[in-house]
Amino acid sequence: MELQLFKTLWGHQGTLDAAATQALDAGFAGLEGNADNLPRDELREVLQKHGLAYIQEIVTGGNYVPRRHDTVLEHIVDVERQLELGRPLAPQWVTVIGGCDAWSLEQSVRFFGESQEIAARMGIACSFETHRSRSLFNPWVTLAVLERLPELKLTCDFSHWVGGAGTPTG
């Protein structure tokens, strides 16, 4: 196993080409960002030009704080739609910031289970991020989900369990 570091595009204020140059200069293997909010053709060109890998970020139910009225099915549809959007970028991995902290355990388990099935059917490796306002918003809920879905892969952003929101940097 080889550790690879990726530069996030979250909070980046410059061009995608500048982000790629910064990533290369700092020794990163690639870029991580939300294909739903980026110019995908330009991103694909920049990744190819600089020989960088890509981690796709998916956000369901709107933005980083989900719309409270969106249903489990709407979140699942978001996952499938965004997986399709990212396919031409050949992501090495997909991280999903999904679900809603107001859901019951059953709703969260349905979301994660069906989302995993979609990703598996599409042959895409994906994990689910621990994130405030989302189904994995605290360690106790996360444990309950993992007891029901032990194969669920996590992207652990522990800052959402112990710290503030933080400030994006470019």
N, C-alpha and C. Protein backbone atom coordinates (compact mmCIF):
# COMPACT_ATOMS: atom_id res chain seq x y z
N MET A 1 0.84 -1.17 0.00
CA MET A 1 0.00 0.00 0.00
C MET A 1 0.89 1.24 0.00
N GLU A 2 0.49 2.20 -0.81
CA GLU A 2 1.24 3.45 -0.93
C GLU A 2 0.34 4.61 -0.54
N LEU A 3 0.83 5.46 0.36
CA LEU A 3 0.09 6.65 0.74
C LEU A 3 0.16 7.67 -0.39
N GLN A 4 -1.00 8.16 -0.79
CA GLN A 4 -1.06 9.21 -1.79
C GLN A 4 -1.80 10.40 -1.19
N LEU A 5 -1.27 11.58 -1.43
CA LEU A 5 -1.90 12.80 -0.93
C LEU A 5 -2.53 13.56 -2.10
N PHE A 6 -3.73 14.11 -1.85
CA PHE A 6 -4.46 14.85 -2.87
C PHE A 6 -4.75 16.26 -2.37
N LYS A 7 -4.64 17.22 -3.27
CA LYS A 7 -4.98 18.60 -2.95
C LYS A 7 -6.48 18.78 -3.16
N THR A 8 -7.15 19.28 -2.14
CA THR A 8 -8.57 19.56 -2.29
C THR A 8 -8.79 20.85 -3.07
N LEU A 9 -9.85 20.87 -3.84
CA LEU A 9 -10.25 22.09 -4.53
C LEU A 9 -11.24 22.90 -3.72
N TRP A 10 -11.66 22.37 -2.56
CA TRP A 10 -12.57 23.08 -1.66
C TRP A 10 -11.88 24.36 -1.18
N GLY A 11 -12.46 25.47 -1.48
CA GLY A 11 -11.90 26.75 -1.05
C GLY A 11 -10.86 27.33 -1.99
N HIS A 12 -10.46 26.59 -3.02
CA HIS A 12 -9.45 27.08 -3.96
C HIS A 12 -10.04 28.24 -4.76
N GLN A 13 -9.32 29.35 -4.83
CA GLN A 13 -9.81 30.55 -5.50
C GLN A 13 -9.24 30.74 -6.90
N GLY A 14 -8.19 30.03 -7.25
CA GLY A 14 -7.55 30.23 -8.54
C GLY A 14 -8.10 29.32 -9.62
N THR A 15 -7.37 29.23 -10.71
CA THR A 15 -7.76 28.38 -11.83
C THR A 15 -7.46 26.92 -11.50
N LEU A 16 -8.06 26.03 -12.26
CA LEU A 16 -7.77 24.61 -12.09
C LEU A 16 -6.32 24.32 -12.47
N ASP A 17 -5.81 25.00 -13.48
CA ASP A 17 -4.41 24.81 -13.86
C ASP A 17 -3.47 25.24 -12.73
N ALA A 18 -3.79 26.34 -12.06
CA ALA A 18 -2.98 26.78 -10.91
C ALA A 18 -3.06 25.77 -9.78
N ALA A 19 -4.23 25.20 -9.55
CA ALA A 19 -4.37 24.18 -8.50
C ALA A 19 -3.51 22.96 -8.83
N ALA A 20 -3.51 22.56 -10.09
CA ALA A 20 -2.71 21.42 -10.51
C ALA A 20 -1.22 21.70 -10.33
N THR A 21 -0.80 22.90 -10.70
CA THR A 21 0.61 23.28 -10.53
C THR A 21 0.99 23.28 -9.05
N GLN A 22 0.12 23.84 -8.20
CA GLN A 22 0.36 23.83 -6.75
C GLN A 22 0.46 22.40 -6.23
N ALA A 23 -0.44 21.54 -6.71
CA ALA A 23 -0.44 20.14 -6.27
C ALA A 23 0.87 19.46 -6.65
N LEU A 24 1.30 19.64 -7.87
CA LEU A 24 2.56 19.03 -8.32
C LEU A 24 3.75 19.56 -7.53
N ASP A 25 3.79 20.88 -7.35
CA ASP A 25 4.91 21.50 -6.63
C ASP A 25 4.99 21.00 -5.19
N ALA A 26 3.85 20.66 -4.60
CA ALA A 26 3.82 20.19 -3.21
C ALA A 26 3.93 18.67 -3.11
N GLY A 27 4.04 17.98 -4.24
CA GLY A 27 4.19 16.54 -4.22
C GLY A 27 2.90 15.74 -4.12
N PHE A 28 1.77 16.36 -4.42
CA PHE A 28 0.49 15.66 -4.38
C PHE A 28 0.33 14.75 -5.59
N ALA A 29 -0.44 13.68 -5.42
CA ALA A 29 -0.70 12.73 -6.49
C ALA A 29 -1.88 13.15 -7.36
N GLY A 30 -2.70 14.06 -6.84
CA GLY A 30 -3.87 14.45 -7.60
C GLY A 30 -4.69 15.53 -6.94
N LEU A 31 -5.88 15.73 -7.50
CA LEU A 31 -6.82 16.73 -7.02
C LEU A 31 -8.10 16.05 -6.54
N GLU A 32 -8.74 16.67 -5.59
CA GLU A 32 -10.02 16.18 -5.08
C GLU A 32 -11.03 17.32 -5.17
N GLY A 33 -12.20 17.04 -5.75
CA GLY A 33 -13.20 18.07 -5.87
C GLY A 33 -14.54 17.54 -6.33
N ASN A 34 -15.54 18.40 -6.29
CA ASN A 34 -16.91 18.05 -6.62
C ASN A 34 -17.17 18.27 -8.11
N ALA A 35 -17.32 17.19 -8.86
CA ALA A 35 -17.53 17.28 -10.31
C ALA A 35 -18.82 17.99 -10.66
N ASP A 36 -19.74 18.05 -9.71
CA ASP A 36 -21.02 18.71 -9.96
C ASP A 36 -20.87 20.22 -10.01
N ASN A 37 -19.81 20.75 -9.39
CA ASN A 37 -19.61 22.20 -9.30
C ASN A 37 -18.40 22.70 -10.09
N LEU A 38 -17.77 21.82 -10.84
CA LEU A 38 -16.55 22.19 -11.57
C LEU A 38 -16.77 22.06 -13.07
N PRO A 39 -16.03 22.84 -13.85
CA PRO A 39 -16.09 22.66 -15.31
C PRO A 39 -15.40 21.33 -15.66
N ARG A 40 -16.18 20.29 -15.90
CA ARG A 40 -15.64 18.94 -16.03
C ARG A 40 -14.69 18.77 -17.22
N ASP A 41 -15.00 19.37 -18.36
CA ASP A 41 -14.10 19.24 -19.51
C ASP A 41 -12.74 19.85 -19.20
N GLU A 42 -12.77 21.03 -18.58
CA GLU A 42 -11.51 21.70 -18.21
C GLU A 42 -10.76 20.88 -17.17
N LEU A 43 -11.48 20.34 -16.19
CA LEU A 43 -10.84 19.53 -15.16
C LEU A 43 -10.18 18.30 -15.78
N ARG A 44 -10.86 17.62 -16.69
CA ARG A 44 -10.29 16.44 -17.35
C ARG A 44 -9.02 16.82 -18.09
N GLU A 45 -9.05 17.93 -18.82
CA GLU A 45 -7.86 18.39 -19.56
C GLU A 45 -6.70 18.69 -18.62
N VAL A 46 -6.98 19.37 -17.49
CA VAL A 46 -5.94 19.74 -16.53
C VAL A 46 -5.34 18.48 -15.89
N LEU A 47 -6.19 17.54 -15.53
CA LEU A 47 -5.69 16.28 -14.93
C LEU A 47 -4.78 15.55 -15.91
N GLN A 48 -5.20 15.46 -17.15
CA GLN A 48 -4.39 14.78 -18.18
C GLN A 48 -3.10 15.52 -18.45
N LYS A 49 -3.18 16.82 -18.60
CA LYS A 49 -2.00 17.65 -18.89
C LYS A 49 -0.93 17.48 -17.83
N HIS A 50 -1.34 17.43 -16.57
CA HIS A 50 -0.39 17.38 -15.46
C HIS A 50 -0.15 15.97 -14.93
N GLY A 51 -0.84 14.99 -15.50
CA GLY A 51 -0.65 13.60 -15.07
C GLY A 51 -1.12 13.36 -13.64
N LEU A 52 -2.20 14.01 -13.25
CA LEU A 52 -2.71 13.90 -11.89
C LEU A 52 -3.92 12.97 -11.83
N ALA A 53 -4.06 12.29 -10.71
CA ALA A 53 -5.23 11.46 -10.45
C ALA A 53 -6.34 12.36 -9.88
N TYR A 54 -7.51 11.77 -9.72
CA TYR A 54 -8.68 12.53 -9.27
C TYR A 54 -9.47 11.74 -8.25
N ILE A 55 -9.87 12.42 -7.17
CA ILE A 55 -10.85 11.90 -6.22
C ILE A 55 -12.08 12.77 -6.36
N GLN A 56 -13.20 12.15 -6.67
CA GLN A 56 -14.45 12.88 -6.82
C GLN A 56 -15.13 13.00 -5.46
N GLU A 57 -15.63 14.18 -5.19
CA GLU A 57 -16.45 14.41 -4.00
C GLU A 57 -17.89 14.57 -4.45
N ILE A 58 -18.78 13.86 -3.77
CA ILE A 58 -20.21 13.96 -4.04
C ILE A 58 -20.88 14.53 -2.80
N VAL A 59 -21.75 15.52 -3.00
CA VAL A 59 -22.55 16.09 -1.93
C VAL A 59 -24.01 15.88 -2.30
N THR A 60 -24.78 15.24 -1.42
CA THR A 60 -26.19 14.97 -1.72
C THR A 60 -27.09 15.98 -1.03
N GLY A 61 -28.29 16.15 -1.59
CA GLY A 61 -29.29 16.98 -0.94
C GLY A 61 -28.98 18.46 -0.94
N GLY A 62 -28.30 18.92 -1.97
CA GLY A 62 -28.03 20.35 -2.05
C GLY A 62 -26.57 20.68 -1.92
N ASN A 63 -26.19 21.16 -0.74
CA ASN A 63 -24.81 21.59 -0.52
C ASN A 63 -24.27 20.86 0.70
N TYR A 64 -23.24 21.41 1.33
CA TYR A 64 -22.63 20.73 2.48
C TYR A 64 -23.60 20.57 3.63
N VAL A 65 -24.54 21.48 3.76
CA VAL A 65 -25.65 21.30 4.69
C VAL A 65 -26.84 20.91 3.82
N PRO A 66 -27.39 19.72 4.01
CA PRO A 66 -28.45 19.26 3.10
C PRO A 66 -29.77 19.98 3.32
N ARG A 67 -30.57 19.99 2.27
CA ARG A 67 -31.94 20.48 2.39
C ARG A 67 -32.70 19.49 3.26
N ARG A 68 -33.34 19.95 4.31
CA ARG A 68 -34.01 19.07 5.28
C ARG A 68 -35.21 18.34 4.71
N HIS A 69 -35.83 18.88 3.67
CA HIS A 69 -37.03 18.26 3.13
C HIS A 69 -36.74 17.18 2.09
N ASP A 70 -35.49 17.05 1.63
CA ASP A 70 -35.17 16.04 0.63
C ASP A 70 -35.33 14.64 1.22
N THR A 71 -35.88 13.74 0.43
CA THR A 71 -36.12 12.37 0.88
C THR A 71 -34.86 11.51 0.72
N VAL A 72 -34.90 10.35 1.33
CA VAL A 72 -33.81 9.39 1.17
C VAL A 72 -33.63 9.08 -0.31
N LEU A 73 -34.73 8.85 -1.01
CA LEU A 73 -34.64 8.54 -2.44
C LEU A 73 -34.00 9.68 -3.22
N GLU A 74 -34.30 10.92 -2.89
CA GLU A 74 -33.67 12.05 -3.58
C GLU A 74 -32.16 12.06 -3.35
N HIS A 75 -31.72 11.72 -2.15
CA HIS A 75 -30.28 11.64 -1.88
C HIS A 75 -29.64 10.50 -2.67
N ILE A 76 -30.33 9.37 -2.76
CA ILE A 76 -29.81 8.23 -3.52
C ILE A 76 -29.70 8.59 -5.00
N VAL A 77 -30.71 9.26 -5.53
CA VAL A 77 -30.68 9.71 -6.92
C VAL A 77 -29.52 10.67 -7.14
N ASP A 78 -29.25 11.54 -6.16
CA ASP A 78 -28.09 12.45 -6.25
C ASP A 78 -26.79 11.66 -6.38
N VAL A 79 -26.65 10.60 -5.59
CA VAL A 79 -25.43 9.79 -5.67
C VAL A 79 -25.28 9.22 -7.07
N GLU A 80 -26.33 8.59 -7.58
CA GLU A 80 -26.24 7.96 -8.90
C GLU A 80 -25.95 9.00 -9.99
N ARG A 81 -26.65 10.12 -9.95
CA ARG A 81 -26.44 11.17 -10.95
C ARG A 81 -25.00 11.68 -10.94
N GLN A 82 -24.48 11.92 -9.74
CA GLN A 82 -23.13 12.47 -9.66
C GLN A 82 -22.06 11.43 -9.97
N LEU A 83 -22.31 10.17 -9.66
CA LEU A 83 -21.37 9.12 -10.08
C LEU A 83 -21.27 9.11 -11.61
N GLU A 84 -22.41 9.24 -12.27
CA GLU A 84 -22.41 9.30 -13.74
C GLU A 84 -21.66 10.53 -14.25
N LEU A 85 -21.86 11.69 -13.60
CA LEU A 85 -21.15 12.91 -14.01
C LEU A 85 -19.64 12.74 -13.90
N GLY A 86 -19.20 12.05 -12.88
CA GLY A 86 -17.77 11.92 -12.64
C GLY A 86 -17.08 10.85 -13.46
N ARG A 87 -17.83 9.93 -14.03
CA ARG A 87 -17.22 8.81 -14.76
C ARG A 87 -16.20 9.24 -15.82
N PRO A 88 -16.48 10.25 -16.65
CA PRO A 88 -15.48 10.65 -17.66
C PRO A 88 -14.17 11.15 -17.07
N LEU A 89 -14.18 11.50 -15.79
CA LEU A 89 -12.96 11.98 -15.12
C LEU A 89 -12.14 10.83 -14.54
N ALA A 90 -12.67 9.61 -14.64
CA ALA A 90 -11.99 8.40 -14.16
C ALA A 90 -11.48 8.57 -12.72
N PRO A 91 -12.38 8.86 -11.78
CA PRO A 91 -11.91 9.05 -10.40
C PRO A 91 -11.28 7.79 -9.84
N GLN A 92 -10.20 7.99 -9.13
CA GLN A 92 -9.53 6.89 -8.43
C GLN A 92 -10.40 6.43 -7.27
N TRP A 93 -11.17 7.36 -6.75
CA TRP A 93 -11.99 7.12 -5.57
C TRP A 93 -13.09 8.17 -5.55
N VAL A 94 -14.21 7.85 -4.90
CA VAL A 94 -15.28 8.82 -4.72
C VAL A 94 -15.61 8.90 -3.24
N THR A 95 -15.67 10.11 -2.72
CA THR A 95 -16.09 10.34 -1.34
C THR A 95 -17.47 10.99 -1.37
N VAL A 96 -18.41 10.41 -0.63
CA VAL A 96 -19.78 10.91 -0.60
C VAL A 96 -20.03 11.59 0.74
N ILE A 97 -20.42 12.85 0.69
CA ILE A 97 -20.91 13.56 1.87
C ILE A 97 -22.42 13.52 1.73
N GLY A 98 -23.06 12.57 2.44
CA GLY A 98 -24.45 12.31 2.15
C GLY A 98 -25.29 12.00 3.37
N GLY A 99 -26.58 11.95 3.10
CA GLY A 99 -27.54 11.67 4.15
C GLY A 99 -27.87 12.94 4.93
N CYS A 100 -28.58 12.74 6.04
CA CYS A 100 -29.05 13.87 6.83
C CYS A 100 -29.09 13.49 8.30
N ASP A 101 -28.62 14.37 9.17
CA ASP A 101 -28.57 14.07 10.60
C ASP A 101 -29.94 13.98 11.25
N ALA A 102 -30.98 14.41 10.54
CA ALA A 102 -32.35 14.32 11.08
C ALA A 102 -33.03 13.00 10.75
N TRP A 103 -32.38 12.15 9.97
CA TRP A 103 -32.97 10.88 9.58
C TRP A 103 -32.91 9.86 10.71
N SER A 104 -33.81 8.90 10.64
CA SER A 104 -33.77 7.75 11.55
C SER A 104 -32.63 6.83 11.11
N LEU A 105 -32.27 5.91 11.98
CA LEU A 105 -31.25 4.93 11.64
C LEU A 105 -31.67 4.14 10.41
N GLU A 106 -32.93 3.76 10.33
CA GLU A 106 -33.42 2.99 9.18
C GLU A 106 -33.25 3.76 7.87
N GLN A 107 -33.55 5.05 7.89
CA GLN A 107 -33.39 5.87 6.69
C GLN A 107 -31.92 5.95 6.28
N SER A 108 -31.05 6.15 7.25
CA SER A 108 -29.62 6.23 6.95
C SER A 108 -29.10 4.92 6.40
N VAL A 109 -29.49 3.82 7.01
CA VAL A 109 -29.04 2.50 6.54
C VAL A 109 -29.52 2.27 5.10
N ARG A 110 -30.75 2.65 4.80
CA ARG A 110 -31.24 2.51 3.43
C ARG A 110 -30.39 3.34 2.47
N PHE A 111 -30.12 4.59 2.83
CA PHE A 111 -29.32 5.47 1.97
C PHE A 111 -27.95 4.85 1.70
N PHE A 112 -27.23 4.47 2.75
CA PHE A 112 -25.88 3.93 2.57
C PHE A 112 -25.90 2.60 1.82
N GLY A 113 -26.83 1.74 2.17
CA GLY A 113 -26.90 0.43 1.51
C GLY A 113 -27.17 0.56 0.02
N GLU A 114 -28.17 1.35 -0.34
CA GLU A 114 -28.51 1.51 -1.76
C GLU A 114 -27.43 2.28 -2.51
N SER A 115 -26.81 3.25 -1.87
CA SER A 115 -25.72 4.00 -2.52
C SER A 115 -24.53 3.09 -2.79
N GLN A 116 -24.21 2.22 -1.83
CA GLN A 116 -23.12 1.25 -2.03
C GLN A 116 -23.43 0.32 -3.21
N GLU A 117 -24.67 -0.12 -3.30
CA GLU A 117 -25.07 -1.02 -4.39
C GLU A 117 -24.91 -0.33 -5.74
N ILE A 118 -25.30 0.92 -5.83
CA ILE A 118 -25.17 1.67 -7.09
C ILE A 118 -23.70 1.79 -7.47
N ALA A 119 -22.86 2.19 -6.53
CA ALA A 119 -21.43 2.34 -6.82
C ALA A 119 -20.82 1.00 -7.23
N ALA A 120 -21.18 -0.08 -6.55
CA ALA A 120 -20.65 -1.41 -6.88
C ALA A 120 -21.09 -1.82 -8.29
N ARG A 121 -22.35 -1.58 -8.61
CA ARG A 121 -22.87 -1.92 -9.93
C ARG A 121 -22.12 -1.15 -11.02
N MET A 122 -21.70 0.09 -10.69
CA MET A 122 -20.99 0.92 -11.67
C MET A 122 -19.47 0.66 -11.64
N GLY A 123 -19.03 -0.18 -10.70
CA GLY A 123 -17.60 -0.49 -10.60
C GLY A 123 -16.78 0.67 -10.07
N ILE A 124 -17.36 1.48 -9.20
CA ILE A 124 -16.69 2.67 -8.68
C ILE A 124 -16.44 2.49 -7.19
N ALA A 125 -15.19 2.69 -6.77
CA ALA A 125 -14.85 2.61 -5.34
C ALA A 125 -15.31 3.89 -4.67
N CYS A 126 -16.08 3.74 -3.58
CA CYS A 126 -16.52 4.95 -2.90
C CYS A 126 -16.61 4.72 -1.39
N SER A 127 -16.54 5.84 -0.69
CA SER A 127 -16.65 5.84 0.77
C SER A 127 -17.55 7.01 1.17
N PHE A 128 -17.89 7.03 2.45
CA PHE A 128 -18.84 8.02 2.95
C PHE A 128 -18.18 8.79 4.08
N GLU A 129 -18.25 10.12 3.97
CA GLU A 129 -17.51 10.98 4.89
C GLU A 129 -18.29 11.27 6.17
N THR A 130 -17.56 11.20 7.28
CA THR A 130 -18.12 11.67 8.55
C THR A 130 -18.18 13.20 8.46
N HIS A 131 -19.37 13.75 8.63
CA HIS A 131 -19.54 15.18 8.35
C HIS A 131 -20.71 15.73 9.16
N ARG A 132 -20.54 16.94 9.68
CA ARG A 132 -21.64 17.58 10.42
C ARG A 132 -22.85 17.72 9.50
N SER A 133 -24.02 17.67 10.06
CA SER A 133 -25.31 17.80 9.39
C SER A 133 -25.67 16.60 8.50
N ARG A 134 -24.85 15.58 8.54
CA ARG A 134 -25.07 14.39 7.72
C ARG A 134 -25.33 13.17 8.60
N SER A 135 -25.70 12.07 7.98
CA SER A 135 -26.04 10.86 8.74
C SER A 135 -24.90 10.39 9.64
N LEU A 136 -23.67 10.60 9.24
CA LEU A 136 -22.52 10.18 10.03
C LEU A 136 -21.98 11.36 10.85
N PHE A 137 -22.90 12.11 11.46
CA PHE A 137 -22.54 13.35 12.14
C PHE A 137 -21.92 13.16 13.51
N ASN A 138 -22.05 11.95 14.08
CA ASN A 138 -21.39 11.70 15.37
C ASN A 138 -20.97 10.24 15.46
N PRO A 139 -20.01 9.93 16.34
CA PRO A 139 -19.47 8.57 16.39
C PRO A 139 -20.48 7.52 16.80
N TRP A 140 -21.46 7.85 17.62
CA TRP A 140 -22.42 6.85 18.09
C TRP A 140 -23.37 6.45 16.98
N VAL A 141 -23.83 7.41 16.21
CA VAL A 141 -24.68 7.10 15.07
C VAL A 141 -23.88 6.32 14.03
N THR A 142 -22.64 6.75 13.80
CA THR A 142 -21.79 6.06 12.83
C THR A 142 -21.59 4.60 13.23
N LEU A 143 -21.36 4.36 14.52
CA LEU A 143 -21.22 2.98 15.00
C LEU A 143 -22.49 2.18 14.73
N ALA A 144 -23.65 2.76 14.99
CA ALA A 144 -24.92 2.05 14.76
C ALA A 144 -25.09 1.72 13.27
N VAL A 145 -24.70 2.64 12.39
CA VAL A 145 -24.77 2.37 10.95
C VAL A 145 -23.81 1.25 10.58
N LEU A 146 -22.58 1.31 11.11
CA LEU A 146 -21.58 0.28 10.79
C LEU A 146 -21.97 -1.10 11.32
N GLU A 147 -22.69 -1.13 12.42
CA GLU A 147 -23.17 -2.42 12.93
C GLU A 147 -24.15 -3.05 11.95
N ARG A 148 -24.88 -2.24 11.23
CA ARG A 148 -25.84 -2.73 10.24
C ARG A 148 -25.20 -2.95 8.87
N LEU A 149 -24.18 -2.15 8.57
CA LEU A 149 -23.50 -2.22 7.27
C LEU A 149 -21.99 -2.29 7.50
N PRO A 150 -21.48 -3.43 8.00
CA PRO A 150 -20.06 -3.50 8.37
C PRO A 150 -19.10 -3.31 7.19
N GLU A 151 -19.57 -3.47 5.96
CA GLU A 151 -18.70 -3.30 4.79
C GLU A 151 -18.61 -1.84 4.34
N LEU A 152 -19.36 -0.95 4.97
CA LEU A 152 -19.36 0.46 4.60
C LEU A 152 -17.97 1.05 4.81
N LYS A 153 -17.47 1.70 3.77
CA LYS A 153 -16.16 2.36 3.86
C LYS A 153 -16.37 3.82 4.23
N LEU A 154 -15.51 4.32 5.11
CA LEU A 154 -15.63 5.69 5.60
C LEU A 154 -14.45 6.54 5.15
N THR A 155 -14.73 7.80 4.92
CA THR A 155 -13.72 8.84 4.85
C THR A 155 -13.91 9.61 6.15
N CYS A 156 -12.93 9.55 7.01
CA CYS A 156 -13.09 10.10 8.36
C CYS A 156 -12.53 11.51 8.45
N ASP A 157 -13.42 12.46 8.50
CA ASP A 157 -13.06 13.85 8.76
C ASP A 157 -13.44 14.10 10.22
N PHE A 158 -12.53 13.74 11.10
CA PHE A 158 -12.82 13.80 12.53
C PHE A 158 -13.06 15.23 13.02
N SER A 159 -12.62 16.22 12.24
CA SER A 159 -12.84 17.61 12.66
C SER A 159 -14.33 17.91 12.81
N HIS A 160 -15.17 17.20 12.06
CA HIS A 160 -16.61 17.44 12.15
C HIS A 160 -17.20 16.86 13.44
N TRP A 161 -16.44 16.00 14.12
CA TRP A 161 -16.89 15.45 15.39
C TRP A 161 -16.35 16.23 16.58
N VAL A 162 -15.24 16.94 16.38
CA VAL A 162 -14.57 17.55 17.55
C VAL A 162 -14.29 19.03 17.41
N GLY A 163 -14.46 19.62 16.24
CA GLY A 163 -14.06 21.01 16.07
C GLY A 163 -15.11 21.81 15.36
N GLY A 164 -14.73 23.03 15.02
CA GLY A 164 -15.62 23.94 14.31
C GLY A 164 -15.60 23.65 12.83
N ALA A 165 -16.26 24.50 12.10
CA ALA A 165 -16.41 24.31 10.66
C ALA A 165 -15.10 24.55 9.91
N GLY A 166 -14.20 25.34 10.45
CA GLY A 166 -12.95 25.62 9.77
C GLY A 166 -13.11 26.67 8.70
N THR A 167 -12.02 27.04 8.11
CA THR A 167 -12.00 28.04 7.06
C THR A 167 -11.27 27.46 5.87
N PRO A 168 -11.88 27.47 4.69
CA PRO A 168 -11.18 26.92 3.52
C PRO A 168 -9.97 27.76 3.18
N THR A 169 -8.93 27.08 2.70
CA THR A 169 -7.74 27.77 2.22
C THR A 169 -7.45 27.29 0.81
N GLY A 170 -6.83 28.12 0.03
CA GLY A 170 -6.61 27.80 -1.37
C GLY A 170 -5.26 27.32 -1.63
